[in-house]
Structure formats: C-alpha cells, structure tokens
Amino acid sequence: MDSLDYGIIDLLRQNARAGYGDIGEVIGLSASAVKRRVDRLVADKTIRGFTIQVDPAVEGLGTEAYVELFCRGTVSPAELQRILSGVPEVVDAGTVTGSADAIVHMRSRDIPSLELALERVRIAPNVDHTRSAIVLTKLIHRAND
C-alpha cells in the first residue's frame, strides 16, 4: 500500500459511490488507474466490501446502550459469542480488560424492548450481572469497520 492507495480508501470511506474519475481527480490518477488499484485492494481483501449506512432511527432502532457484561468464573470468548449471538439487539460486542468481561453495544426500538433484550442476556448461564449506559446524544461516529 502506498499513499495513493490510502487516498483512495479515504475517499471511498467518505463516499463509497464515488466514481473512479472523481477519485482520480483528487489524487492525481486516471479513472482506469484508480479502478485497477481498487480491484487490487478488493482482491487482496484490503477492502472487504462496499456498503450503505442507514440511520438506525429510520429502521426503528433509536434507543442505544453500551452494556458491561460481568460473568461468574471464567467464560470463554466463544461462549460469550454464543450467548450474545442469540440476542438480535446486540450490534457489536467484544471482550475487554478491566473488571467487566465484555462490552456490548445494543440497539432497540425503545426502553421496554431494550430491557427485554438485557434480560435475555442476564438469564444466560455464567452471566452474573450487567451495567448499562443509555446513549443520550451521539457525538462522533466513524465507520472504519
């Protein structure tokens, strides 16, 4: 990867629908050269896909929370993944350092549905308790996934 590849990726992050000619004008390449580089970045799996992002509120998922998950004893990441995969309101999760075993990002249509989803997580074997923080205002969102 060189600076031109990074430039292409940055521009595609801003607008995945940008034309190769438009990208080329910004970074100083022809449209065909940009296309060849994008094709290579896709083939190398540097670019894993192109997608759209829809406002979750439009899809009825305007309530958002971050949940710390605390387990009894030692629970494997695979077991946590199994538990959390069964809860559709879980949109992202990862094991973490510190006192919590995992951090879980959840989205639901409202507080009652969030509470039901949290209860499905809490009743899972090995889950001791959770600590939740409901998002009031989204300050920054960068989609670098």
N, C-alpha and C. Protein backbone atom coordinates (compact mmCIF):
# COMPACT_ATOMS: atom_id res chain seq x y z
N MET A 1 0.85 -1.18 0.00
CA MET A 1 0.00 0.00 0.00
C MET A 1 0.89 1.23 0.00
N ASP A 2 0.51 2.20 -0.83
CA ASP A 2 1.23 3.46 -0.86
C ASP A 2 0.25 4.59 -0.55
N SER A 3 0.74 5.81 -0.65
CA SER A 3 -0.10 6.97 -0.29
C SER A 3 -1.30 7.10 -1.22
N LEU A 4 -1.16 6.67 -2.47
CA LEU A 4 -2.31 6.73 -3.38
C LEU A 4 -3.40 5.74 -2.95
N ASP A 5 -2.99 4.54 -2.54
CA ASP A 5 -3.97 3.56 -2.04
C ASP A 5 -4.69 4.10 -0.81
N TYR A 6 -3.92 4.69 0.10
CA TYR A 6 -4.55 5.27 1.30
C TYR A 6 -5.51 6.40 0.91
N GLY A 7 -5.14 7.20 -0.08
CA GLY A 7 -6.02 8.26 -0.56
C GLY A 7 -7.31 7.72 -1.13
N ILE A 8 -7.20 6.65 -1.92
CA ILE A 8 -8.40 6.02 -2.49
C ILE A 8 -9.30 5.51 -1.38
N ILE A 9 -8.72 4.83 -0.41
CA ILE A 9 -9.50 4.30 0.71
C ILE A 9 -10.18 5.42 1.48
N ASP A 10 -9.45 6.49 1.75
CA ASP A 10 -10.06 7.62 2.48
C ASP A 10 -11.25 8.19 1.72
N LEU A 11 -11.10 8.35 0.40
CA LEU A 11 -12.20 8.90 -0.38
C LEU A 11 -13.39 7.94 -0.46
N LEU A 12 -13.11 6.63 -0.55
CA LEU A 12 -14.21 5.66 -0.56
C LEU A 12 -14.91 5.59 0.79
N ARG A 13 -14.17 5.82 1.87
CA ARG A 13 -14.82 5.87 3.20
C ARG A 13 -15.80 7.03 3.27
N GLN A 14 -15.43 8.14 2.66
CA GLN A 14 -16.31 9.31 2.68
C GLN A 14 -17.53 9.10 1.79
N ASN A 15 -17.32 8.40 0.66
CA ASN A 15 -18.41 8.16 -0.28
C ASN A 15 -18.08 6.92 -1.09
N ALA A 16 -18.65 5.79 -0.70
CA ALA A 16 -18.39 4.52 -1.39
C ALA A 16 -18.93 4.51 -2.81
N ARG A 17 -19.75 5.48 -3.16
CA ARG A 17 -20.31 5.57 -4.51
C ARG A 17 -19.51 6.51 -5.41
N ALA A 18 -18.42 7.05 -4.90
CA ALA A 18 -17.62 7.99 -5.71
C ALA A 18 -17.13 7.30 -6.97
N GLY A 19 -17.15 8.03 -8.07
CA GLY A 19 -16.69 7.49 -9.34
C GLY A 19 -15.17 7.45 -9.39
N TYR A 20 -14.65 6.51 -10.17
CA TYR A 20 -13.20 6.39 -10.30
C TYR A 20 -12.58 7.67 -10.85
N GLY A 21 -13.28 8.32 -11.77
CA GLY A 21 -12.79 9.59 -12.33
C GLY A 21 -12.72 10.68 -11.28
N ASP A 22 -13.76 10.74 -10.43
CA ASP A 22 -13.78 11.74 -9.36
C ASP A 22 -12.64 11.50 -8.37
N ILE A 23 -12.42 10.25 -8.03
CA ILE A 23 -11.33 9.91 -7.11
C ILE A 23 -9.99 10.26 -7.75
N GLY A 24 -9.85 9.89 -9.03
CA GLY A 24 -8.61 10.17 -9.75
C GLY A 24 -8.27 11.64 -9.80
N GLU A 25 -9.29 12.49 -9.96
CA GLU A 25 -9.05 13.94 -9.99
C GLU A 25 -8.44 14.43 -8.68
N VAL A 26 -8.89 13.86 -7.58
CA VAL A 26 -8.41 14.29 -6.26
C VAL A 26 -6.99 13.81 -6.00
N ILE A 27 -6.70 12.56 -6.38
CA ILE A 27 -5.39 12.00 -6.02
C ILE A 27 -4.38 12.01 -7.16
N GLY A 28 -4.83 12.44 -8.36
CA GLY A 28 -3.89 12.58 -9.47
C GLY A 28 -3.66 11.33 -10.29
N LEU A 29 -4.70 10.52 -10.48
CA LEU A 29 -4.60 9.33 -11.32
C LEU A 29 -5.75 9.32 -12.31
N SER A 30 -5.61 8.54 -13.37
CA SER A 30 -6.71 8.36 -14.32
C SER A 30 -7.76 7.45 -13.69
N ALA A 31 -8.95 7.50 -14.26
CA ALA A 31 -10.03 6.64 -13.77
C ALA A 31 -9.65 5.17 -13.88
N SER A 32 -9.01 4.79 -14.98
CA SER A 32 -8.64 3.38 -15.16
C SER A 32 -7.57 2.96 -14.14
N ALA A 33 -6.65 3.85 -13.81
CA ALA A 33 -5.63 3.53 -12.81
C ALA A 33 -6.27 3.36 -11.43
N VAL A 34 -7.25 4.21 -11.11
CA VAL A 34 -7.97 4.09 -9.84
C VAL A 34 -8.71 2.75 -9.81
N LYS A 35 -9.38 2.39 -10.90
CA LYS A 35 -10.11 1.13 -10.96
C LYS A 35 -9.17 -0.06 -10.75
N ARG A 36 -8.02 -0.05 -11.39
CA ARG A 36 -7.07 -1.15 -11.20
C ARG A 36 -6.65 -1.26 -9.74
N ARG A 37 -6.39 -0.11 -9.12
CA ARG A 37 -5.98 -0.12 -7.71
C ARG A 37 -7.12 -0.62 -6.81
N VAL A 38 -8.34 -0.17 -7.07
CA VAL A 38 -9.48 -0.62 -6.27
C VAL A 38 -9.66 -2.12 -6.46
N ASP A 39 -9.58 -2.60 -7.69
CA ASP A 39 -9.71 -4.04 -7.94
C ASP A 39 -8.65 -4.82 -7.17
N ARG A 40 -7.41 -4.33 -7.15
CA ARG A 40 -6.34 -5.00 -6.42
C ARG A 40 -6.60 -4.97 -4.92
N LEU A 41 -7.07 -3.82 -4.40
CA LEU A 41 -7.37 -3.70 -2.97
C LEU A 41 -8.50 -4.65 -2.56
N VAL A 42 -9.45 -4.86 -3.46
CA VAL A 42 -10.53 -5.81 -3.19
C VAL A 42 -9.99 -7.24 -3.26
N ALA A 43 -9.21 -7.54 -4.28
CA ALA A 43 -8.65 -8.89 -4.44
C ALA A 43 -7.75 -9.26 -3.26
N ASP A 44 -6.99 -8.28 -2.75
CA ASP A 44 -6.10 -8.50 -1.61
C ASP A 44 -6.84 -8.53 -0.29
N LYS A 45 -8.15 -8.26 -0.34
CA LYS A 45 -9.01 -8.20 0.85
C LYS A 45 -8.65 -7.04 1.78
N THR A 46 -7.94 -6.04 1.25
CA THR A 46 -7.73 -4.80 2.00
C THR A 46 -9.07 -4.08 2.11
N ILE A 47 -9.79 -4.01 1.00
CA ILE A 47 -11.18 -3.52 1.01
C ILE A 47 -12.05 -4.77 1.09
N ARG A 48 -12.82 -4.89 2.17
CA ARG A 48 -13.62 -6.09 2.40
C ARG A 48 -15.03 -5.99 1.85
N GLY A 49 -15.43 -4.80 1.42
CA GLY A 49 -16.77 -4.67 0.87
C GLY A 49 -17.18 -3.22 0.77
N PHE A 50 -18.26 -3.00 0.07
CA PHE A 50 -18.85 -1.68 -0.08
C PHE A 50 -20.26 -1.77 0.49
N THR A 51 -20.68 -0.76 1.20
CA THR A 51 -21.97 -0.86 1.87
C THR A 51 -22.61 0.51 2.02
N ILE A 52 -23.83 0.49 2.48
CA ILE A 52 -24.51 1.73 2.84
C ILE A 52 -24.72 1.72 4.35
N GLN A 53 -24.91 2.88 4.91
CA GLN A 53 -25.24 3.00 6.32
C GLN A 53 -26.59 3.71 6.42
N VAL A 54 -27.51 3.07 7.09
CA VAL A 54 -28.84 3.62 7.27
C VAL A 54 -28.96 4.10 8.70
N ASP A 55 -29.55 5.26 8.88
CA ASP A 55 -29.78 5.80 10.22
C ASP A 55 -30.61 4.78 11.00
N PRO A 56 -30.10 4.26 12.13
CA PRO A 56 -30.84 3.27 12.90
C PRO A 56 -32.23 3.75 13.32
N ALA A 57 -32.40 5.05 13.54
CA ALA A 57 -33.71 5.56 13.94
C ALA A 57 -34.75 5.34 12.84
N VAL A 58 -34.30 5.42 11.58
CA VAL A 58 -35.21 5.18 10.45
C VAL A 58 -35.71 3.75 10.47
N GLU A 59 -34.87 2.83 10.92
CA GLU A 59 -35.24 1.42 11.00
C GLU A 59 -35.93 1.07 12.32
N GLY A 60 -36.25 2.09 13.11
CA GLY A 60 -36.94 1.86 14.38
C GLY A 60 -36.02 1.41 15.49
N LEU A 61 -34.73 1.71 15.38
CA LEU A 61 -33.78 1.31 16.42
C LEU A 61 -33.10 2.53 17.02
N GLY A 62 -33.92 3.45 17.53
CA GLY A 62 -33.41 4.72 18.02
C GLY A 62 -32.86 4.70 19.44
N THR A 63 -33.08 3.62 20.18
CA THR A 63 -32.55 3.52 21.54
C THR A 63 -31.26 2.73 21.50
N GLU A 64 -30.22 3.30 22.10
CA GLU A 64 -28.89 2.72 22.02
C GLU A 64 -28.28 2.66 23.41
N ALA A 65 -27.57 1.58 23.69
CA ALA A 65 -26.94 1.44 25.00
C ALA A 65 -25.62 0.69 24.87
N TYR A 66 -24.72 0.99 25.79
CA TYR A 66 -23.48 0.23 25.96
C TYR A 66 -23.62 -0.50 27.28
N VAL A 67 -23.32 -1.79 27.26
CA VAL A 67 -23.57 -2.63 28.41
C VAL A 67 -22.28 -3.36 28.79
N GLU A 68 -21.89 -3.21 30.05
CA GLU A 68 -20.79 -4.00 30.57
C GLU A 68 -21.37 -5.32 31.04
N LEU A 69 -20.72 -6.41 30.66
CA LEU A 69 -21.17 -7.75 31.00
C LEU A 69 -20.18 -8.38 31.97
N PHE A 70 -20.69 -8.84 33.10
CA PHE A 70 -19.87 -9.45 34.14
C PHE A 70 -20.29 -10.92 34.28
N CYS A 71 -19.32 -11.81 34.23
CA CYS A 71 -19.60 -13.24 34.27
C CYS A 71 -19.17 -13.86 35.59
N ARG A 72 -19.78 -15.01 35.90
CA ARG A 72 -19.35 -15.83 37.03
C ARG A 72 -18.22 -16.73 36.54
N GLY A 73 -17.10 -16.72 37.23
CA GLY A 73 -16.00 -17.58 36.83
C GLY A 73 -15.41 -17.18 35.50
N THR A 74 -14.74 -18.14 34.87
CA THR A 74 -14.11 -17.90 33.57
C THR A 74 -15.03 -18.38 32.46
N VAL A 75 -15.32 -17.48 31.53
CA VAL A 75 -16.18 -17.80 30.40
C VAL A 75 -15.38 -17.51 29.13
N SER A 76 -15.34 -18.45 28.23
CA SER A 76 -14.56 -18.29 27.01
C SER A 76 -15.21 -17.27 26.07
N PRO A 77 -14.40 -16.62 25.25
CA PRO A 77 -14.97 -15.72 24.24
C PRO A 77 -15.98 -16.43 23.33
N ALA A 78 -15.72 -17.69 23.01
CA ALA A 78 -16.66 -18.44 22.16
C ALA A 78 -18.02 -18.59 22.84
N GLU A 79 -18.02 -18.83 24.15
CA GLU A 79 -19.28 -18.96 24.89
C GLU A 79 -20.00 -17.62 24.95
N LEU A 80 -19.27 -16.54 25.18
CA LEU A 80 -19.89 -15.21 25.17
C LEU A 80 -20.50 -14.91 23.80
N GLN A 81 -19.77 -15.26 22.76
CA GLN A 81 -20.28 -15.04 21.41
C GLN A 81 -21.57 -15.83 21.19
N ARG A 82 -21.61 -17.06 21.64
CA ARG A 82 -22.81 -17.88 21.51
C ARG A 82 -23.99 -17.25 22.23
N ILE A 83 -23.76 -16.79 23.46
CA ILE A 83 -24.82 -16.16 24.26
C ILE A 83 -25.34 -14.91 23.55
N LEU A 84 -24.44 -14.05 23.13
CA LEU A 84 -24.82 -12.75 22.58
C LEU A 84 -25.38 -12.85 21.17
N SER A 85 -24.97 -13.86 20.42
CA SER A 85 -25.48 -14.03 19.05
C SER A 85 -26.98 -14.28 19.02
N GLY A 86 -27.51 -14.80 20.09
CA GLY A 86 -28.94 -15.08 20.16
C GLY A 86 -29.81 -13.89 20.52
N VAL A 87 -29.19 -12.73 20.68
CA VAL A 87 -29.94 -11.52 21.05
C VAL A 87 -29.81 -10.53 19.89
N PRO A 88 -30.85 -10.38 19.06
CA PRO A 88 -30.73 -9.54 17.86
C PRO A 88 -30.43 -8.07 18.15
N GLU A 89 -30.73 -7.60 19.33
CA GLU A 89 -30.45 -6.21 19.68
C GLU A 89 -28.95 -5.93 19.86
N VAL A 90 -28.15 -6.98 20.00
CA VAL A 90 -26.70 -6.83 20.12
C VAL A 90 -26.14 -6.56 18.73
N VAL A 91 -25.55 -5.37 18.56
CA VAL A 91 -24.99 -5.00 17.25
C VAL A 91 -23.47 -5.09 17.22
N ASP A 92 -22.84 -5.13 18.39
CA ASP A 92 -21.39 -5.21 18.46
C ASP A 92 -21.03 -5.66 19.87
N ALA A 93 -19.96 -6.41 20.00
CA ALA A 93 -19.53 -6.86 21.33
C ALA A 93 -18.08 -7.28 21.26
N GLY A 94 -17.40 -7.14 22.38
CA GLY A 94 -16.02 -7.59 22.46
C GLY A 94 -15.61 -7.84 23.90
N THR A 95 -14.67 -8.75 24.08
CA THR A 95 -14.10 -8.94 25.41
C THR A 95 -13.17 -7.77 25.69
N VAL A 96 -13.01 -7.45 26.97
CA VAL A 96 -12.24 -6.27 27.35
C VAL A 96 -11.39 -6.54 28.58
N THR A 97 -10.43 -5.66 28.82
CA THR A 97 -9.68 -5.70 30.06
C THR A 97 -10.47 -4.95 31.13
N GLY A 98 -10.06 -5.08 32.37
CA GLY A 98 -10.76 -4.39 33.45
C GLY A 98 -11.69 -5.33 34.18
N SER A 99 -12.61 -4.76 34.92
CA SER A 99 -13.48 -5.59 35.76
C SER A 99 -14.59 -6.28 34.96
N ALA A 100 -15.04 -5.68 33.87
CA ALA A 100 -16.07 -6.31 33.04
C ALA A 100 -15.41 -7.37 32.16
N ASP A 101 -16.18 -8.37 31.78
CA ASP A 101 -15.69 -9.41 30.87
C ASP A 101 -15.89 -9.02 29.41
N ALA A 102 -16.93 -8.22 29.15
CA ALA A 102 -17.22 -7.83 27.77
C ALA A 102 -17.97 -6.50 27.78
N ILE A 103 -17.87 -5.82 26.64
CA ILE A 103 -18.67 -4.61 26.39
C ILE A 103 -19.59 -4.96 25.23
N VAL A 104 -20.86 -4.63 25.38
CA VAL A 104 -21.88 -4.98 24.40
C VAL A 104 -22.58 -3.70 23.96
N HIS A 105 -22.67 -3.50 22.65
CA HIS A 105 -23.39 -2.36 22.08
C HIS A 105 -24.74 -2.88 21.62
N MET A 106 -25.80 -2.27 22.11
CA MET A 106 -27.16 -2.73 21.79
C MET A 106 -27.98 -1.60 21.19
N ARG A 107 -28.90 -1.97 20.31
CA ARG A 107 -29.86 -1.03 19.73
C ARG A 107 -31.25 -1.68 19.80
N SER A 108 -32.23 -0.87 20.17
CA SER A 108 -33.61 -1.36 20.21
C SER A 108 -34.55 -0.23 19.84
N ARG A 109 -35.82 -0.55 19.72
CA ARG A 109 -36.77 0.48 19.31
C ARG A 109 -37.15 1.42 20.45
N ASP A 110 -37.07 0.92 21.71
CA ASP A 110 -37.45 1.75 22.85
C ASP A 110 -36.89 1.13 24.14
N ILE A 111 -37.12 1.79 25.25
CA ILE A 111 -36.60 1.32 26.53
C ILE A 111 -37.19 -0.04 26.92
N PRO A 112 -38.50 -0.26 26.80
CA PRO A 112 -39.02 -1.58 27.16
C PRO A 112 -38.39 -2.73 26.35
N SER A 113 -38.17 -2.52 25.06
CA SER A 113 -37.56 -3.59 24.26
C SER A 113 -36.08 -3.76 24.62
N LEU A 114 -35.42 -2.68 24.99
CA LEU A 114 -34.03 -2.78 25.47
C LEU A 114 -33.99 -3.58 26.77
N GLU A 115 -34.93 -3.32 27.65
CA GLU A 115 -34.99 -4.04 28.92
C GLU A 115 -35.20 -5.54 28.70
N LEU A 116 -36.06 -5.90 27.77
CA LEU A 116 -36.29 -7.31 27.45
C LEU A 116 -35.01 -7.96 26.89
N ALA A 117 -34.31 -7.24 26.03
CA ALA A 117 -33.07 -7.77 25.47
C ALA A 117 -32.02 -7.95 26.55
N LEU A 118 -31.92 -6.98 27.46
CA LEU A 118 -30.97 -7.10 28.57
C LEU A 118 -31.31 -8.30 29.44
N GLU A 119 -32.58 -8.54 29.64
CA GLU A 119 -33.00 -9.69 30.45
C GLU A 119 -32.59 -11.00 29.79
N ARG A 120 -32.69 -11.07 28.45
CA ARG A 120 -32.25 -12.28 27.74
C ARG A 120 -30.75 -12.50 27.92
N VAL A 121 -29.98 -11.43 28.01
CA VAL A 121 -28.54 -11.57 28.27
C VAL A 121 -28.31 -11.99 29.71
N ARG A 122 -29.01 -11.36 30.64
CA ARG A 122 -28.79 -11.62 32.08
C ARG A 122 -29.14 -13.04 32.51
N ILE A 123 -30.12 -13.66 31.86
CA ILE A 123 -30.52 -15.01 32.29
C ILE A 123 -29.62 -16.11 31.71
N ALA A 124 -28.70 -15.73 30.87
CA ALA A 124 -27.80 -16.74 30.29
C ALA A 124 -26.91 -17.33 31.38
N PRO A 125 -26.60 -18.62 31.27
CA PRO A 125 -25.70 -19.24 32.25
C PRO A 125 -24.37 -18.48 32.28
N ASN A 126 -23.79 -18.41 33.44
CA ASN A 126 -22.49 -17.76 33.66
C ASN A 126 -22.54 -16.23 33.67
N VAL A 127 -23.67 -15.61 33.34
CA VAL A 127 -23.75 -14.15 33.42
C VAL A 127 -24.17 -13.78 34.83
N ASP A 128 -23.34 -12.99 35.48
CA ASP A 128 -23.61 -12.58 36.85
C ASP A 128 -24.49 -11.33 36.86
N HIS A 129 -24.02 -10.27 36.18
CA HIS A 129 -24.82 -9.05 36.10
C HIS A 129 -24.32 -8.18 34.96
N THR A 130 -25.08 -7.13 34.71
CA THR A 130 -24.72 -6.16 33.67
C THR A 130 -24.77 -4.76 34.26
N ARG A 131 -24.09 -3.85 33.60
CA ARG A 131 -24.17 -2.42 33.95
C ARG A 131 -24.35 -1.68 32.64
N SER A 132 -25.44 -0.92 32.53
CA SER A 132 -25.82 -0.30 31.26
C SER A 132 -25.69 1.21 31.30
N ALA A 133 -25.36 1.76 30.13
CA ALA A 133 -25.37 3.20 29.92
C ALA A 133 -26.12 3.47 28.63
N ILE A 134 -27.23 4.20 28.73
CA ILE A 134 -28.03 4.52 27.56
C ILE A 134 -27.47 5.78 26.92
N VAL A 135 -27.31 5.74 25.61
CA VAL A 135 -26.76 6.87 24.87
C VAL A 135 -27.83 7.96 24.76
N LEU A 136 -27.46 9.17 25.14
CA LEU A 136 -28.37 10.30 25.03
C LEU A 136 -28.14 11.06 23.72
N THR A 137 -26.89 11.45 23.47
CA THR A 137 -26.54 12.18 22.25
C THR A 137 -25.31 11.54 21.64
N LYS A 138 -25.40 11.19 20.36
CA LYS A 138 -24.26 10.65 19.63
C LYS A 138 -23.37 11.83 19.24
N LEU A 139 -22.13 11.83 19.72
CA LEU A 139 -21.23 12.94 19.46
C LEU A 139 -20.36 12.74 18.23
N ILE A 140 -19.80 11.54 18.09
CA ILE A 140 -18.91 11.24 16.97
C ILE A 140 -19.21 9.81 16.52
N HIS A 141 -19.25 9.62 15.22
CA HIS A 141 -19.38 8.26 14.66
C HIS A 141 -18.48 8.16 13.46
N ARG A 142 -17.52 7.27 13.54
CA ARG A 142 -16.63 6.99 12.41
C ARG A 142 -16.81 5.54 12.03
N ALA A 143 -17.19 5.31 10.82
CA ALA A 143 -17.38 3.93 10.34
C ALA A 143 -16.11 3.46 9.68
N ASN A 144 -15.20 2.93 10.47
CA ASN A 144 -13.92 2.44 9.95
C ASN A 144 -13.85 0.94 10.00
N ASP A 145 -14.99 0.30 9.97
CA ASP A 145 -15.04 -1.14 10.13
C ASP A 145 -14.60 -1.81 8.87
